[in-house]
Structures are given as structure tokens and as C-alpha cells.
């Protein structure tokens, strides 16, 4: 997670959003679903508009004002103003990302609603990965279509995405979570296929297994084991739906000894088998 919320950039950004929809609107500059090239690298830069990113898969690092944030499935980044950023991917695990560029414009003259002179920095790994991914992809698909009042619908859709991102960011920042536990929680999100035991995870947090399990459940409302399964199943769903991987291949990649065992756990989690999901 990035630094705590409510810095000057966030406050200014929220004040701008209060002017919507009466005095201004969200104008989409660009959106793509990007399979990042092998030699992808972003030199340090400051952009004139706002930048929103969702990571669908892969690994890398985003550098925000000199601080590195690991990219992994579910990472959300919102930047603007004087924020400088750079990025690089892990060539062994290529990235698929949905980057969005947008502005706030005045309804009166279609110019920028206001200058933005603070550093806006929001970066976290979502707990609603499938939901947010669906919103980002829905906006991309909407932008590909041609119809009347497209800009108005896109502006409304962008507001929904921003509201969800900022609400989740606020929720994460309002919780007082032990930094040792949070570090392991984020590591688990960055490594959804890892098969570490609970003892090994507790050791990463430098906590006893009993206390680690108790604290994890209090903080995240599920056991570490359940969270491991949740991450694994979400990644399996992504492989099946987005990568068109076979059930056998997914079971193998997720280190299941038998595809039947994987299919049973998948059905227990989602309410339908992998085959039924694909079909």
C-alpha cells in the first residue's frame, strides 16, 4: 500500500470531483488493454493529465516519486499533478494492463476544469479484483462502440470506477493493520500461485503461527488458508476465461496433482465447474 490517504493531492482531486456533474465532466483521453512488449520500460515522467492503471496479470515495478511498488494482478494506481513515475516489467512474467488517461473538463467551455498543482499518489492491491477488472474492461468495450451521447455515458462510467477506487482506498487506509501482517498479505497477493505453509507465512511476518492466524482473521475476515485458496481460484478463473487455458493446464500450473481435485475446489468456490464456466 502507498502512504496514508488524505494528502494534499488526494484532497484537491476529491474537491475537483465535487464539481461533477454540474460544472464539469470526466473526459477520457485514452484507454487500452495492453499486452506489454518484452522490452517495455517507462522513463521517469510527469504527465499533464490523470493516469489510472489496473494490472490484469504479470509482474513488474512502478516507481512513484522514487518509491517502488510491485505490480501484480489487482494492483490499482491513480496518479496526477506533479507526481513523477516510471515503470519496468519482469520479463519472466509479462504484464497485461489496462491504462487509462483522463481529464476533468468544464461544461462551459470544454477546457480543463482547474489546474492541478499537487502530487496525487494512490497505489494498492484491490480486494475486489474480478469486480474492478470487469469495470475497467467494460469501459474499454464501451469506448470501442459508436453511438449518441457516448461521451456522457463514458463520463458516468468513469465516475463509477473512480468512486470504487477511492472508496476501497479509504477503507484500506482506515484499518489499523500490523505492518508485518500487511507485508505478508501483499506478498501473498503478488504471488497467488505460491504454496507456502501457514508456518512459513507466519515466519515471514516474524509472528507465531497461532498469533499470525488470529491476527489475519481479525484483519481480513478470513483465514490465511482461505485467502490462499481465494487467490488461487481467482487466478485459475483468469487463466480459463482470459487466456483460454485448458482445465488440465490450469491444474498443472496451480500445482494440483489431479485435475479432478482442482475442478472440485473450483466448483466449491465459484458454484460451477471450470468446464461449465468455459462453456
C-alpha atoms as a PDB file:
ATOM      1  CA  UNK A   1       0.000   0.000   0.000  1.00  0.00           C
ATOM      2  CA  UNK A   2       1.100   3.562  -0.577  1.00  0.00           C
ATOM      3  CA  UNK A   3       1.290   6.184   2.113  1.00  0.00           C
ATOM      4  CA  UNK A   4      -1.832   7.048   4.051  1.00  0.00           C
ATOM      5  CA  UNK A   5      -4.665   8.828   2.305  1.00  0.00           C
ATOM      6  CA  UNK A   6      -5.876  12.408   2.546  1.00  0.00           C
ATOM      7  CA  UNK A   7      -2.631  14.036   1.379  1.00  0.00           C
ATOM      8  CA  UNK A   8      -2.857  17.376  -0.435  1.00  0.00           C
ATOM      9  CA  UNK A   9      -3.102  15.769  -3.881  1.00  0.00           C
ATOM     10  CA  UNK A  10      -5.951  13.488  -2.821  1.00  0.00           C
ATOM     11  CA  UNK A  11      -7.850  16.329  -1.192  1.00  0.00           C
ATOM     12  CA  UNK A  12      -7.535  18.509  -4.289  1.00  0.00           C
ATOM     13  CA  UNK A  13      -8.596  15.592  -6.518  1.00  0.00           C
ATOM     14  CA  UNK A  14     -11.680  14.954  -4.365  1.00  0.00           C
ATOM     15  CA  UNK A  15     -12.567  18.655  -4.445  1.00  0.00           C
ATOM     16  CA  UNK A  16     -12.441  18.570  -8.250  1.00  0.00           C
ATOM     17  CA  UNK A  17     -14.774  15.575  -8.306  1.00  0.00           C
ATOM     18  CA  UNK A  18     -17.296  17.517  -6.192  1.00  0.00           C
ATOM     19  CA  UNK A  19     -17.747  19.846  -9.180  1.00  0.00           C
ATOM     20  CA  UNK A  20     -19.147  16.909 -11.179  1.00  0.00           C
ATOM     21  CA  UNK A  21     -21.567  16.575 -12.854  1.00  0.00           C
ATOM     22  CA  UNK A  22     -22.984  20.133 -12.670  1.00  0.00           C
ATOM     23  CA  UNK A  23     -19.903  22.194 -13.551  1.00  0.00           C
ATOM     24  CA  UNK A  24     -17.675  19.614 -15.191  1.00  0.00           C
ATOM     25  CA  UNK A  25     -17.274  16.089 -16.511  1.00  0.00           C
ATOM     26  CA  UNK A  26     -14.646  13.354 -16.860  1.00  0.00           C
ATOM     27  CA  UNK A  27     -13.078  13.329 -20.317  1.00  0.00           C
ATOM     28  CA  UNK A  28     -11.402  10.089 -21.384  1.00  0.00           C
ATOM     29  CA  UNK A  29      -8.114  10.734 -23.169  1.00  0.00           C
ATOM     30  CA  UNK A  30      -7.047   7.143 -23.757  1.00  0.00           C
ATOM     31  CA  UNK A  31      -7.750   3.562 -22.663  1.00  0.00           C
ATOM     32  CA  UNK A  32      -6.134   0.312 -23.822  1.00  0.00           C
ATOM     33  CA  UNK A  33      -5.882  -3.315 -22.844  1.00  0.00           C
ATOM     34  CA  UNK A  34      -2.158  -3.688 -23.322  1.00  0.00           C
ATOM     35  CA  UNK A  35      -0.056  -6.827 -23.547  1.00  0.00           C
ATOM     36  CA  UNK A  36       3.224  -5.223 -22.596  1.00  0.00           C
ATOM     37  CA  UNK A  37       6.140  -5.762 -25.046  1.00  0.00           C
ATOM     38  CA  UNK A  38       9.161  -7.618 -23.707  1.00  0.00           C
ATOM     39  CA  UNK A  39      11.392  -4.522 -23.564  1.00  0.00           C
ATOM     40  CA  UNK A  40       8.687  -2.273 -22.091  1.00  0.00           C
ATOM     41  CA  UNK A  41      10.155   0.429 -19.899  1.00  0.00           C
ATOM     42  CA  UNK A  42       8.782   3.838 -18.929  1.00  0.00           C
ATOM     43  CA  UNK A  43      11.365   6.529 -18.330  1.00  0.00           C
ATOM     44  CA  UNK A  44      10.678   8.864 -15.380  1.00  0.00           C
ATOM     45  CA  UNK A  45       7.944  11.276 -16.443  1.00  0.00           C
ATOM     46  CA  UNK A  46       5.224  13.652 -15.265  1.00  0.00           C
ATOM     47  CA  UNK A  47       2.038  13.590 -17.346  1.00  0.00           C
ATOM     48  CA  UNK A  48      -0.295  16.574 -17.884  1.00  0.00           C
ATOM     49  CA  UNK A  49      -3.495  14.653 -17.156  1.00  0.00           C
ATOM     50  CA  UNK A  50      -4.551  11.880 -14.746  1.00  0.00           C
ATOM     51  CA  UNK A  51      -3.369   8.290 -15.038  1.00  0.00           C
ATOM     52  CA  UNK A  52      -5.327   5.264 -13.782  1.00  0.00           C
ATOM     53  CA  UNK A  53      -3.999   1.723 -14.117  1.00  0.00           C
ATOM     54  CA  UNK A  54      -5.289  -1.789 -13.429  1.00  0.00           C
ATOM     55  CA  UNK A  55      -2.970  -4.818 -13.655  1.00  0.00           C
ATOM     56  CA  UNK A  56      -4.657  -7.925 -15.117  1.00  0.00           C
ATOM     57  CA  UNK A  57      -1.630 -10.204 -14.869  1.00  0.00           C
ATOM     58  CA  UNK A  58       2.158 -10.332 -14.777  1.00  0.00           C
ATOM     59  CA  UNK A  59       4.786  -8.659 -12.621  1.00  0.00           C
ATOM     60  CA  UNK A  60       6.906  -5.548 -12.640  1.00  0.00           C
ATOM     61  CA  UNK A  61       7.588  -2.403 -10.656  1.00  0.00           C
ATOM     62  CA  UNK A  62       6.052   1.068 -10.693  1.00  0.00           C
ATOM     63  CA  UNK A  63       8.256   3.830  -9.320  1.00  0.00           C
ATOM     64  CA  UNK A  64       6.170   6.672  -7.886  1.00  0.00           C
ATOM     65  CA  UNK A  65       8.187   9.697  -6.781  1.00  0.00           C
ATOM     66  CA  UNK A  66      11.156   7.409  -6.231  1.00  0.00           C
ATOM     67  CA  UNK A  67       9.339   4.688  -4.262  1.00  0.00           C
ATOM     68  CA  UNK A  68       8.882   1.243  -5.833  1.00  0.00           C
ATOM     69  CA  UNK A  69       5.537  -0.585  -5.845  1.00  0.00           C
ATOM     70  CA  UNK A  70       5.445  -4.201  -7.104  1.00  0.00           C
ATOM     71  CA  UNK A  71       2.991  -4.746  -9.954  1.00  0.00           C
ATOM     72  CA  UNK A  72       0.838  -7.844  -9.714  1.00  0.00           C
ATOM     73  CA  UNK A  73      -2.692  -8.907 -10.597  1.00  0.00           C
ATOM     74  CA  UNK A  74      -5.143  -6.490  -8.969  1.00  0.00           C
ATOM     75  CA  UNK A  75      -2.734  -3.580  -8.463  1.00  0.00           C
ATOM     76  CA  UNK A  76      -4.507  -0.230  -8.902  1.00  0.00           C
ATOM     77  CA  UNK A  77      -2.567   3.002  -9.480  1.00  0.00           C
ATOM     78  CA  UNK A  78      -4.030   6.517  -9.684  1.00  0.00           C
ATOM     79  CA  UNK A  79      -1.608   9.373 -10.402  1.00  0.00           C
ATOM     80  CA  UNK A  80      -1.733  13.023 -11.396  1.00  0.00           C
ATOM     81  CA  UNK A  81      -0.431  16.516 -10.841  1.00  0.00           C
ATOM     82  CA  UNK A  82       3.280  16.782 -10.074  1.00  0.00           C
ATOM     83  CA  UNK A  83       3.721  13.042  -9.490  1.00  0.00           C
ATOM     84  CA  UNK A  84       6.704  11.540 -11.296  1.00  0.00           C
ATOM     85  CA  UNK A  85       6.533   7.879 -12.219  1.00  0.00           C
ATOM     86  CA  UNK A  86       8.495   5.231 -14.071  1.00  0.00           C
ATOM     87  CA  UNK A  87       7.899   1.532 -14.709  1.00  0.00           C
ATOM     88  CA  UNK A  88       9.552  -1.725 -15.755  1.00  0.00           C
ATOM     89  CA  UNK A  89       8.189  -5.240 -16.146  1.00  0.00           C
ATOM     90  CA  UNK A  90       9.531  -8.651 -15.154  1.00  0.00           C
ATOM     91  CA  UNK A  91      10.420 -10.270 -18.493  1.00  0.00           C
ATOM     92  CA  UNK A  92       9.769 -13.700 -16.956  1.00  0.00           C
ATOM     93  CA  UNK A  93       6.144 -12.811 -16.195  1.00  0.00           C
ATOM     94  CA  UNK A  94       4.888 -10.330 -18.865  1.00  0.00           C
ATOM     95  CA  UNK A  95       2.309  -7.751 -17.901  1.00  0.00           C
ATOM     96  CA  UNK A  96      -1.223  -7.281 -19.192  1.00  0.00           C
ATOM     97  CA  UNK A  97      -2.500  -3.888 -18.045  1.00  0.00           C
ATOM     98  CA  UNK A  98      -5.418  -1.517 -18.596  1.00  0.00           C
ATOM     99  CA  UNK A  99      -4.057   2.057 -18.555  1.00  0.00           C
ATOM    100  CA  UNK A 100      -6.472   4.994 -18.612  1.00  0.00           C
ATOM    101  CA  UNK A 101      -5.687   8.673 -19.166  1.00  0.00           C
ATOM    102  CA  UNK A 102      -8.380  11.240 -18.331  1.00  0.00           C
ATOM    103  CA  UNK A 103      -9.072  14.884 -17.509  1.00  0.00           C
ATOM    104  CA  UNK A 104     -11.723  16.928 -15.728  1.00  0.00           C
ATOM    105  CA  UNK A 105     -13.248  19.414 -18.185  1.00  0.00           C
ATOM    106  CA  UNK A 106     -15.585  22.365 -17.805  1.00  0.00           C
ATOM    107  CA  UNK A 107     -19.104  22.030 -19.224  1.00  0.00           C
ATOM    108  CA  UNK A 108     -18.997  25.730 -20.081  1.00  0.00           C
ATOM    109  CA  UNK A 109     -16.031  25.720 -22.481  1.00  0.00           C
ATOM    110  CA  UNK A 110     -14.634  22.152 -22.619  1.00  0.00           C
ATOM    111  CA  UNK A 111     -11.343  23.376 -21.148  1.00  0.00           C
ATOM    112  CA  UNK A 112      -9.604  21.843 -18.129  1.00  0.00           C
ATOM    113  CA  UNK A 113     -11.823  22.435 -15.125  1.00  0.00           C
ATOM    114  CA  UNK A 114      -8.940  23.599 -12.954  1.00  0.00           C
ATOM    115  CA  UNK A 115      -5.180  23.439 -12.752  1.00  0.00           C
ATOM    116  CA  UNK A 116      -3.874  20.615 -10.570  1.00  0.00           C
ATOM    117  CA  UNK A 117      -0.683  21.506  -8.760  1.00  0.00           C
ATOM    118  CA  UNK A 118      -0.321  18.751  -6.142  1.00  0.00           C
ATOM    119  CA  UNK A 119       1.083  15.227  -6.295  1.00  0.00           C
ATOM    120  CA  UNK A 120      -1.694  12.620  -6.487  1.00  0.00           C
ATOM    121  CA  UNK A 121      -0.461   9.160  -5.473  1.00  0.00           C
ATOM    122  CA  UNK A 122      -2.800   6.223  -4.883  1.00  0.00           C
ATOM    123  CA  UNK A 123      -1.470   2.661  -5.151  1.00  0.00           C
ATOM    124  CA  UNK A 124      -2.902  -0.515  -3.632  1.00  0.00           C
ATOM    125  CA  UNK A 125      -3.814  -4.124  -4.447  1.00  0.00           C
ATOM    126  CA  UNK A 126      -7.589  -4.476  -4.674  1.00  0.00           C
ATOM    127  CA  UNK A 127      -9.590  -6.991  -2.674  1.00  0.00           C
ATOM    128  CA  UNK A 128     -12.278  -6.872  -5.409  1.00  0.00           C
ATOM    129  CA  UNK A 129     -10.099  -7.929  -8.322  1.00  0.00           C
ATOM    130  CA  UNK A 130     -12.737  -9.534 -10.545  1.00  0.00           C
ATOM    131  CA  UNK A 131     -15.220  -6.704  -9.937  1.00  0.00           C
ATOM    132  CA  UNK A 132     -12.745  -3.912 -10.721  1.00  0.00           C
ATOM    133  CA  UNK A 133     -11.331  -5.763 -13.715  1.00  0.00           C
ATOM    134  CA  UNK A 134     -14.881  -6.043 -15.055  1.00  0.00           C
ATOM    135  CA  UNK A 135     -15.390  -2.284 -14.671  1.00  0.00           C
ATOM    136  CA  UNK A 136     -12.134  -1.432 -16.463  1.00  0.00           C
ATOM    137  CA  UNK A 137     -12.855  -3.850 -19.314  1.00  0.00           C
ATOM    138  CA  UNK A 138     -16.422  -2.601 -19.538  1.00  0.00           C
ATOM    139  CA  UNK A 139     -15.131   0.944 -20.051  1.00  0.00           C
ATOM    140  CA  UNK A 140     -12.728  -0.253 -22.740  1.00  0.00           C
ATOM    141  CA  UNK A 141     -15.543  -2.031 -24.591  1.00  0.00           C
ATOM    142  CA  UNK A 142     -17.811   0.997 -24.240  1.00  0.00           C
ATOM    143  CA  UNK A 143     -15.117   3.228 -25.725  1.00  0.00           C
ATOM    144  CA  UNK A 144     -14.878   0.958 -28.797  1.00  0.00           C
ATOM    145  CA  UNK A 145     -18.534   1.453 -29.668  1.00  0.00           C
ATOM    146  CA  UNK A 146     -20.103   4.306 -31.626  1.00  0.00           C
ATOM    147  CA  UNK A 147     -23.445   5.777 -30.520  1.00  0.00           C
ATOM    148  CA  UNK A 148     -25.128   9.016 -29.474  1.00  0.00           C
ATOM    149  CA  UNK A 149     -24.051  10.575 -26.157  1.00  0.00           C
ATOM    150  CA  UNK A 150     -21.094   8.218 -25.934  1.00  0.00           C
ATOM    151  CA  UNK A 151     -19.029  10.847 -24.082  1.00  0.00           C
ATOM    152  CA  UNK A 152     -21.750  11.313 -21.475  1.00  0.00           C
ATOM    153  CA  UNK A 153     -22.008   7.592 -20.794  1.00  0.00           C
ATOM    154  CA  UNK A 154     -18.222   7.249 -20.606  1.00  0.00           C
ATOM    155  CA  UNK A 155     -18.058  10.137 -18.120  1.00  0.00           C
ATOM    156  CA  UNK A 156     -20.663   8.415 -15.912  1.00  0.00           C
ATOM    157  CA  UNK A 157     -18.834   5.090 -16.178  1.00  0.00           C
ATOM    158  CA  UNK A 158     -15.523   6.741 -15.230  1.00  0.00           C
ATOM    159  CA  UNK A 159     -17.187   8.248 -12.171  1.00  0.00           C
ATOM    160  CA  UNK A 160     -18.303   4.777 -11.080  1.00  0.00           C
ATOM    161  CA  UNK A 161     -14.744   3.453 -11.429  1.00  0.00           C
ATOM    162  CA  UNK A 162     -13.220   6.403  -9.549  1.00  0.00           C
ATOM    163  CA  UNK A 163     -15.798   6.122  -6.777  1.00  0.00           C
ATOM    164  CA  UNK A 164     -14.997   2.415  -6.308  1.00  0.00           C
ATOM    165  CA  UNK A 165     -11.231   3.024  -6.363  1.00  0.00           C
ATOM    166  CA  UNK A 166     -11.335   5.884  -3.845  1.00  0.00           C
ATOM    167  CA  UNK A 167     -13.816   4.097  -1.570  1.00  0.00           C
ATOM    168  CA  UNK A 168     -11.677   0.978  -1.412  1.00  0.00           C
ATOM    169  CA  UNK A 169      -8.563   3.111  -0.863  1.00  0.00           C
ATOM    170  CA  UNK A 170     -10.277   4.861   2.055  1.00  0.00           C
ATOM    171  CA  UNK A 171     -11.351   1.532   3.549  1.00  0.00           C
ATOM    172  CA  UNK A 172      -7.823   0.158   3.379  1.00  0.00           C
ATOM    173  CA  UNK A 173      -6.392   3.283   4.964  1.00  0.00           C
ATOM    174  CA  UNK A 174      -8.967   3.364   7.764  1.00  0.00           C
ATOM    175  CA  UNK A 175      -7.898  -0.050   9.062  1.00  0.00           C
ATOM    176  CA  UNK A 176      -5.067  -0.200  11.566  1.00  0.00           C
ATOM    177  CA  UNK A 177      -3.301  -3.359  10.377  1.00  0.00           C
ATOM    178  CA  UNK A 178       0.010  -4.554  11.777  1.00  0.00           C
ATOM    179  CA  UNK A 179       2.628  -3.653   9.150  1.00  0.00           C
ATOM    180  CA  UNK A 180       4.219  -7.127   9.468  1.00  0.00           C
ATOM    181  CA  UNK A 181       0.896  -8.747   8.639  1.00  0.00           C
ATOM    182  CA  UNK A 182       0.179  -6.299   5.812  1.00  0.00           C
ATOM    183  CA  UNK A 183       3.571  -7.024   4.260  1.00  0.00           C
ATOM    184  CA  UNK A 184       2.790 -10.762   4.089  1.00  0.00           C
ATOM    185  CA  UNK A 185      -0.779 -10.087   2.877  1.00  0.00           C
ATOM    186  CA  UNK A 186       0.527  -8.044  -0.044  1.00  0.00           C
ATOM    187  CA  UNK A 187       3.231 -10.644  -0.751  1.00  0.00           C
ATOM    188  CA  UNK A 188       0.508 -13.304  -0.993  1.00  0.00           C
ATOM    189  CA  UNK A 189      -1.400 -11.133  -3.473  1.00  0.00           C
ATOM    190  CA  UNK A 190       1.730 -10.706  -5.551  1.00  0.00           C
ATOM    191  CA  UNK A 191       2.377 -14.487  -5.546  1.00  0.00           C
ATOM    192  CA  UNK A 192      -1.052 -16.164  -5.938  1.00  0.00           C
ATOM    193  CA  UNK A 193       0.429 -19.499  -7.013  1.00  0.00           C
ATOM    194  CA  UNK A 194       2.744 -19.814  -4.026  1.00  0.00           C
ATOM    195  CA  UNK A 195       2.195 -22.864  -1.813  1.00  0.00           C
ATOM    196  CA  UNK A 196       3.829 -21.645   1.405  1.00  0.00           C
ATOM    197  CA  UNK A 197       2.570 -23.278   4.587  1.00  0.00           C
ATOM    198  CA  UNK A 198       0.923 -21.186   7.303  1.00  0.00           C
ATOM    199  CA  UNK A 199       4.040 -21.710   9.412  1.00  0.00           C
ATOM    200  CA  UNK A 200       6.187 -20.267   6.605  1.00  0.00           C
ATOM    201  CA  UNK A 201       3.864 -17.278   6.172  1.00  0.00           C
ATOM    202  CA  UNK A 202       3.897 -16.622   9.916  1.00  0.00           C
ATOM    203  CA  UNK A 203       7.679 -16.769   9.831  1.00  0.00           C
ATOM    204  CA  UNK A 204       7.719 -14.124   7.075  1.00  0.00           C
ATOM    205  CA  UNK A 205       5.702 -11.901   9.410  1.00  0.00           C
ATOM    206  CA  UNK A 206       8.017 -12.766  12.344  1.00  0.00           C
ATOM    207  CA  UNK A 207       4.944 -13.868  14.300  1.00  0.00           C
ATOM    208  CA  UNK A 208       3.971 -17.142  15.922  1.00  0.00           C
ATOM    209  CA  UNK A 209       1.690 -19.296  13.776  1.00  0.00           C
ATOM    210  CA  UNK A 210      -1.156 -19.071  16.284  1.00  0.00           C
ATOM    211  CA  UNK A 211      -0.972 -15.276  16.598  1.00  0.00           C
ATOM    212  CA  UNK A 212      -0.462 -14.791  12.857  1.00  0.00           C
ATOM    213  CA  UNK A 213      -3.610 -16.822  12.082  1.00  0.00           C
ATOM    214  CA  UNK A 214      -5.656 -14.996  14.722  1.00  0.00           C
ATOM    215  CA  UNK A 215      -4.470 -11.546  13.599  1.00  0.00           C
ATOM    216  CA  UNK A 216      -5.004 -12.385   9.906  1.00  0.00           C
ATOM    217  CA  UNK A 217      -8.608 -13.421  10.524  1.00  0.00           C
ATOM    218  CA  UNK A 218      -9.297 -10.313  12.623  1.00  0.00           C
ATOM    219  CA  UNK A 219      -7.833  -8.006   9.973  1.00  0.00           C
ATOM    220  CA  UNK A 220      -9.069  -9.605   6.728  1.00  0.00           C
ATOM    221  CA  UNK A 221     -12.128 -11.606   7.881  1.00  0.00           C
ATOM    222  CA  UNK A 222     -10.832 -14.921   6.570  1.00  0.00           C
ATOM    223  CA  UNK A 223      -8.115 -17.409   7.474  1.00  0.00           C
ATOM    224  CA  UNK A 224      -4.728 -17.351   5.691  1.00  0.00           C
ATOM    225  CA  UNK A 225      -5.578 -20.734   4.150  1.00  0.00           C
ATOM    226  CA  UNK A 226      -8.886 -19.481   2.772  1.00  0.00           C
ATOM    227  CA  UNK A 227      -7.157 -16.418   1.343  1.00  0.00           C
ATOM    228  CA  UNK A 228      -4.597 -18.644  -0.408  1.00  0.00           C
ATOM    229  CA  UNK A 229      -7.414 -20.656  -1.982  1.00  0.00           C
ATOM    230  CA  UNK A 230      -9.254 -17.449  -2.955  1.00  0.00           C
ATOM    231  CA  UNK A 231      -6.188 -16.056  -4.733  1.00  0.00           C
ATOM    232  CA  UNK A 232      -5.538 -19.375  -6.444  1.00  0.00           C
ATOM    233  CA  UNK A 233      -9.137 -19.720  -7.661  1.00  0.00           C
ATOM    234  CA  UNK A 234      -9.285 -16.125  -8.924  1.00  0.00           C
ATOM    235  CA  UNK A 235      -6.096 -16.707 -10.876  1.00  0.00           C
ATOM    236  CA  UNK A 236      -7.454 -20.001 -12.225  1.00  0.00           C
ATOM    237  CA  UNK A 237     -10.595 -18.200 -13.432  1.00  0.00           C
ATOM    238  CA  UNK A 238      -8.442 -15.592 -15.154  1.00  0.00           C
ATOM    239  CA  UNK A 239      -6.422 -18.308 -16.952  1.00  0.00           C
ATOM    240  CA  UNK A 240      -9.572 -20.114 -18.092  1.00  0.00           C
ATOM    241  CA  UNK A 241     -11.521 -17.064 -19.270  1.00  0.00           C
ATOM    242  CA  UNK A 242      -8.848 -14.639 -20.458  1.00  0.00           C
ATOM    243  CA  UNK A 243      -6.009 -16.935 -21.545  1.00  0.00           C
ATOM    244  CA  UNK A 244      -8.216 -19.787 -22.868  1.00  0.00           C
ATOM    245  CA  UNK A 245      -6.095 -22.272 -20.909  1.00  0.00           C
ATOM    246  CA  UNK A 246      -7.349 -25.850 -20.609  1.00  0.00           C
ATOM    247  CA  UNK A 247      -8.518 -27.238 -17.273  1.00  0.00           C
ATOM    248  CA  UNK A 248      -5.579 -29.644 -17.326  1.00  0.00           C
ATOM    249  CA  UNK A 249      -3.088 -26.823 -17.948  1.00  0.00           C
ATOM    250  CA  UNK A 250      -4.546 -24.665 -15.173  1.00  0.00           C
ATOM    251  CA  UNK A 251      -4.469 -27.573 -12.719  1.00  0.00           C
ATOM    252  CA  UNK A 252      -0.833 -28.197 -13.629  1.00  0.00           C
ATOM    253  CA  UNK A 253       0.177 -24.522 -13.293  1.00  0.00           C
ATOM    254  CA  UNK A 254      -1.577 -24.296  -9.938  1.00  0.00           C
ATOM    255  CA  UNK A 255       0.328 -27.421  -8.797  1.00  0.00           C
ATOM    256  CA  UNK A 256      -2.662 -29.723  -8.334  1.00  0.00           C
ATOM    257  CA  UNK A 257      -1.691 -33.386  -8.547  1.00  0.00           C
ATOM    258  CA  UNK A 258      -5.057 -34.265 -10.117  1.00  0.00           C
ATOM    259  CA  UNK A 259      -7.268 -32.047 -12.354  1.00  0.00           C
ATOM    260  CA  UNK A 260     -10.313 -33.603 -10.654  1.00  0.00           C
ATOM    261  CA  UNK A 261      -9.236 -32.202  -7.270  1.00  0.00           C
ATOM    262  CA  UNK A 262      -8.741 -28.767  -8.843  1.00  0.00           C
ATOM    263  CA  UNK A 263     -12.163 -28.906 -10.552  1.00  0.00           C
ATOM    264  CA  UNK A 264     -13.866 -29.885  -7.288  1.00  0.00           C
ATOM    265  CA  UNK A 265     -12.262 -26.994  -5.368  1.00  0.00           C
ATOM    266  CA  UNK A 266     -13.078 -24.596  -8.196  1.00  0.00           C
ATOM    267  CA  UNK A 267     -16.753 -25.659  -8.105  1.00  0.00           C
ATOM    268  CA  UNK A 268     -16.863 -25.347  -4.320  1.00  0.00           C
ATOM    269  CA  UNK A 269     -15.550 -21.791  -4.630  1.00  0.00           C
ATOM    270  CA  UNK A 270     -17.498 -20.453  -7.648  1.00  0.00           C
ATOM    271  CA  UNK A 271     -20.546 -22.719  -7.651  1.00  0.00           C
ATOM    272  CA  UNK A 272     -19.793 -24.139 -11.103  1.00  0.00           C
ATOM    273  CA  UNK A 273     -17.076 -26.351 -12.558  1.00  0.00           C
ATOM    274  CA  UNK A 274     -14.255 -24.980 -14.740  1.00  0.00           C
ATOM    275  CA  UNK A 275     -15.782 -26.729 -17.758  1.00  0.00           C
ATOM    276  CA  UNK A 276     -19.186 -25.148 -17.111  1.00  0.00           C
ATOM    277  CA  UNK A 277     -17.551 -21.724 -16.785  1.00  0.00           C
ATOM    278  CA  UNK A 278     -15.778 -22.060 -20.126  1.00  0.00           C
ATOM    279  CA  UNK A 279     -18.876 -23.322 -21.913  1.00  0.00           C
END
